[in-house]
């Protein structure tokens, strides 16, 4: 399965970016922004933990973030941690349904 930077290059496009950012905007939209930021962080933490990533015994931790920050983190997770981007997008869309 494609993942990493090569898959991201193929996937990257204005429409795809809009879809992902829109999902992060909708995520937790029923809550005040500070709570929505926590919901986004929890989901991204789940995505990171799928790979059980540690660096020198330190686990990555995601802090509350805006939709735009969540998008940037999403790209880093899919490009650098080996999370397949298409699977990640499907999981994101499922999470906001």
C-alpha atoms as a PDB file:
ATOM      1  CA  UNK A   1       0.000   0.000   0.000  1.00  0.00           C
ATOM      2  CA  UNK A   2       1.228   3.515  -0.758  1.00  0.00           C
ATOM      3  CA  UNK A   3       2.206   5.691   2.132  1.00  0.00           C
ATOM      4  CA  UNK A   4       4.776   8.282   2.988  1.00  0.00           C
ATOM      5  CA  UNK A   5       5.860  11.309   1.008  1.00  0.00           C
ATOM      6  CA  UNK A   6       5.409   9.649  -2.418  1.00  0.00           C
ATOM      7  CA  UNK A   7       1.758   8.873  -1.670  1.00  0.00           C
ATOM      8  CA  UNK A   8       1.271  12.374  -0.286  1.00  0.00           C
ATOM      9  CA  UNK A   9       2.575  13.917  -3.521  1.00  0.00           C
ATOM     10  CA  UNK A  10       0.035  11.907  -5.515  1.00  0.00           C
ATOM     11  CA  UNK A  11      -2.762  12.733  -3.093  1.00  0.00           C
ATOM     12  CA  UNK A  12      -2.028  16.440  -2.615  1.00  0.00           C
ATOM     13  CA  UNK A  13      -4.417  18.728  -4.423  1.00  0.00           C
ATOM     14  CA  UNK A  14      -6.624  21.684  -3.634  1.00  0.00           C
ATOM     15  CA  UNK A  15      -9.831  19.623  -3.439  1.00  0.00           C
ATOM     16  CA  UNK A  16      -8.259  17.037  -1.146  1.00  0.00           C
ATOM     17  CA  UNK A  17      -6.887  19.756   1.131  1.00  0.00           C
ATOM     18  CA  UNK A  18     -10.311  21.389   1.349  1.00  0.00           C
ATOM     19  CA  UNK A  19     -11.972  18.085   2.248  1.00  0.00           C
ATOM     20  CA  UNK A  20      -9.478  17.344   5.022  1.00  0.00           C
ATOM     21  CA  UNK A  21      -9.553  20.837   6.520  1.00  0.00           C
ATOM     22  CA  UNK A  22     -13.356  20.819   6.357  1.00  0.00           C
ATOM     23  CA  UNK A  23     -13.404  17.533   8.267  1.00  0.00           C
ATOM     24  CA  UNK A  24     -11.189  19.038  10.962  1.00  0.00           C
ATOM     25  CA  UNK A  25     -13.454  22.107  11.116  1.00  0.00           C
ATOM     26  CA  UNK A  26     -16.513  19.882  11.571  1.00  0.00           C
ATOM     27  CA  UNK A  27     -14.773  17.701  14.154  1.00  0.00           C
ATOM     28  CA  UNK A  28     -16.077  18.816  17.515  1.00  0.00           C
ATOM     29  CA  UNK A  29     -18.111  21.629  15.955  1.00  0.00           C
ATOM     30  CA  UNK A  30     -20.873  21.111  18.527  1.00  0.00           C
ATOM     31  CA  UNK A  31     -18.474  22.254  21.248  1.00  0.00           C
ATOM     32  CA  UNK A  32     -16.748  25.538  22.061  1.00  0.00           C
ATOM     33  CA  UNK A  33     -13.484  25.922  20.120  1.00  0.00           C
ATOM     34  CA  UNK A  34     -11.270  24.970  23.058  1.00  0.00           C
ATOM     35  CA  UNK A  35     -13.103  21.628  23.349  1.00  0.00           C
ATOM     36  CA  UNK A  36     -13.142  21.100  19.593  1.00  0.00           C
ATOM     37  CA  UNK A  37      -9.360  21.611  19.622  1.00  0.00           C
ATOM     38  CA  UNK A  38      -9.115  18.821  22.200  1.00  0.00           C
ATOM     39  CA  UNK A  39     -11.291  16.520  20.085  1.00  0.00           C
ATOM     40  CA  UNK A  40      -9.020  17.087  17.080  1.00  0.00           C
ATOM     41  CA  UNK A  41      -5.953  16.385  19.221  1.00  0.00           C
ATOM     42  CA  UNK A  42      -7.471  13.158  20.563  1.00  0.00           C
ATOM     43  CA  UNK A  43      -8.242  11.943  17.063  1.00  0.00           C
ATOM     44  CA  UNK A  44      -4.745  12.779  15.823  1.00  0.00           C
ATOM     45  CA  UNK A  45      -3.289  11.053  18.885  1.00  0.00           C
ATOM     46  CA  UNK A  46      -5.298   7.965  17.953  1.00  0.00           C
ATOM     47  CA  UNK A  47      -3.864   8.146  14.421  1.00  0.00           C
ATOM     48  CA  UNK A  48      -0.323   8.424  15.762  1.00  0.00           C
ATOM     49  CA  UNK A  49      -0.850   5.602  18.245  1.00  0.00           C
ATOM     50  CA  UNK A  50      -1.935   3.248  15.452  1.00  0.00           C
ATOM     51  CA  UNK A  51       1.756   3.020  14.607  1.00  0.00           C
ATOM     52  CA  UNK A  52       2.904   2.838  18.271  1.00  0.00           C
ATOM     53  CA  UNK A  53       5.544   5.436  17.511  1.00  0.00           C
ATOM     54  CA  UNK A  54       8.240   6.158  20.063  1.00  0.00           C
ATOM     55  CA  UNK A  55      11.472   8.061  19.650  1.00  0.00           C
ATOM     56  CA  UNK A  56      14.113   7.069  22.170  1.00  0.00           C
ATOM     57  CA  UNK A  57      11.396   5.797  24.490  1.00  0.00           C
ATOM     58  CA  UNK A  58       9.359   9.005  24.173  1.00  0.00           C
ATOM     59  CA  UNK A  59       5.853   8.709  22.771  1.00  0.00           C
ATOM     60  CA  UNK A  60       4.572  11.495  20.551  1.00  0.00           C
ATOM     61  CA  UNK A  61       1.845  13.582  22.174  1.00  0.00           C
ATOM     62  CA  UNK A  62      -0.586  15.794  20.274  1.00  0.00           C
ATOM     63  CA  UNK A  63      -1.800  19.001  21.899  1.00  0.00           C
ATOM     64  CA  UNK A  64      -5.117  20.774  21.178  1.00  0.00           C
ATOM     65  CA  UNK A  65      -5.042  22.379  17.758  1.00  0.00           C
ATOM     66  CA  UNK A  66      -6.973  24.478  15.264  1.00  0.00           C
ATOM     67  CA  UNK A  67      -8.288  22.895  12.050  1.00  0.00           C
ATOM     68  CA  UNK A  68      -5.316  24.295  10.133  1.00  0.00           C
ATOM     69  CA  UNK A  69      -2.816  23.005  12.693  1.00  0.00           C
ATOM     70  CA  UNK A  70      -4.584  19.635  12.679  1.00  0.00           C
ATOM     71  CA  UNK A  71      -4.210  19.508   8.890  1.00  0.00           C
ATOM     72  CA  UNK A  72      -0.477  20.211   9.143  1.00  0.00           C
ATOM     73  CA  UNK A  73      -0.072  17.481  11.781  1.00  0.00           C
ATOM     74  CA  UNK A  74      -2.158  15.100   9.686  1.00  0.00           C
ATOM     75  CA  UNK A  75       0.234  15.605   6.770  1.00  0.00           C
ATOM     76  CA  UNK A  76       3.260  14.980   8.981  1.00  0.00           C
ATOM     77  CA  UNK A  77       1.766  11.784  10.406  1.00  0.00           C
ATOM     78  CA  UNK A  78       0.898  10.399   6.984  1.00  0.00           C
ATOM     79  CA  UNK A  79       4.149  11.483   5.328  1.00  0.00           C
ATOM     80  CA  UNK A  80       6.641  10.623   8.048  1.00  0.00           C
ATOM     81  CA  UNK A  81       5.160   7.948  10.289  1.00  0.00           C
ATOM     82  CA  UNK A  82       4.025   5.570   7.582  1.00  0.00           C
ATOM     83  CA  UNK A  83       0.285   5.923   8.080  1.00  0.00           C
ATOM     84  CA  UNK A  84      -1.339   5.314   4.677  1.00  0.00           C
ATOM     85  CA  UNK A  85      -2.971   8.579   3.648  1.00  0.00           C
ATOM     86  CA  UNK A  86      -6.053   7.061   2.036  1.00  0.00           C
ATOM     87  CA  UNK A  87      -6.772   5.003   5.153  1.00  0.00           C
ATOM     88  CA  UNK A  88      -6.233   8.092   7.318  1.00  0.00           C
ATOM     89  CA  UNK A  89      -8.622  10.186   5.215  1.00  0.00           C
ATOM     90  CA  UNK A  90     -11.269   7.462   5.350  1.00  0.00           C
ATOM     91  CA  UNK A  91     -10.901   7.259   9.132  1.00  0.00           C
ATOM     92  CA  UNK A  92     -11.137  11.047   9.411  1.00  0.00           C
ATOM     93  CA  UNK A  93     -14.307  11.178   7.307  1.00  0.00           C
ATOM     94  CA  UNK A  94     -15.799   8.352   9.376  1.00  0.00           C
ATOM     95  CA  UNK A  95     -14.951  10.192  12.595  1.00  0.00           C
ATOM     96  CA  UNK A  96     -16.907  13.302  11.582  1.00  0.00           C
ATOM     97  CA  UNK A  97     -19.992  11.468  10.348  1.00  0.00           C
END
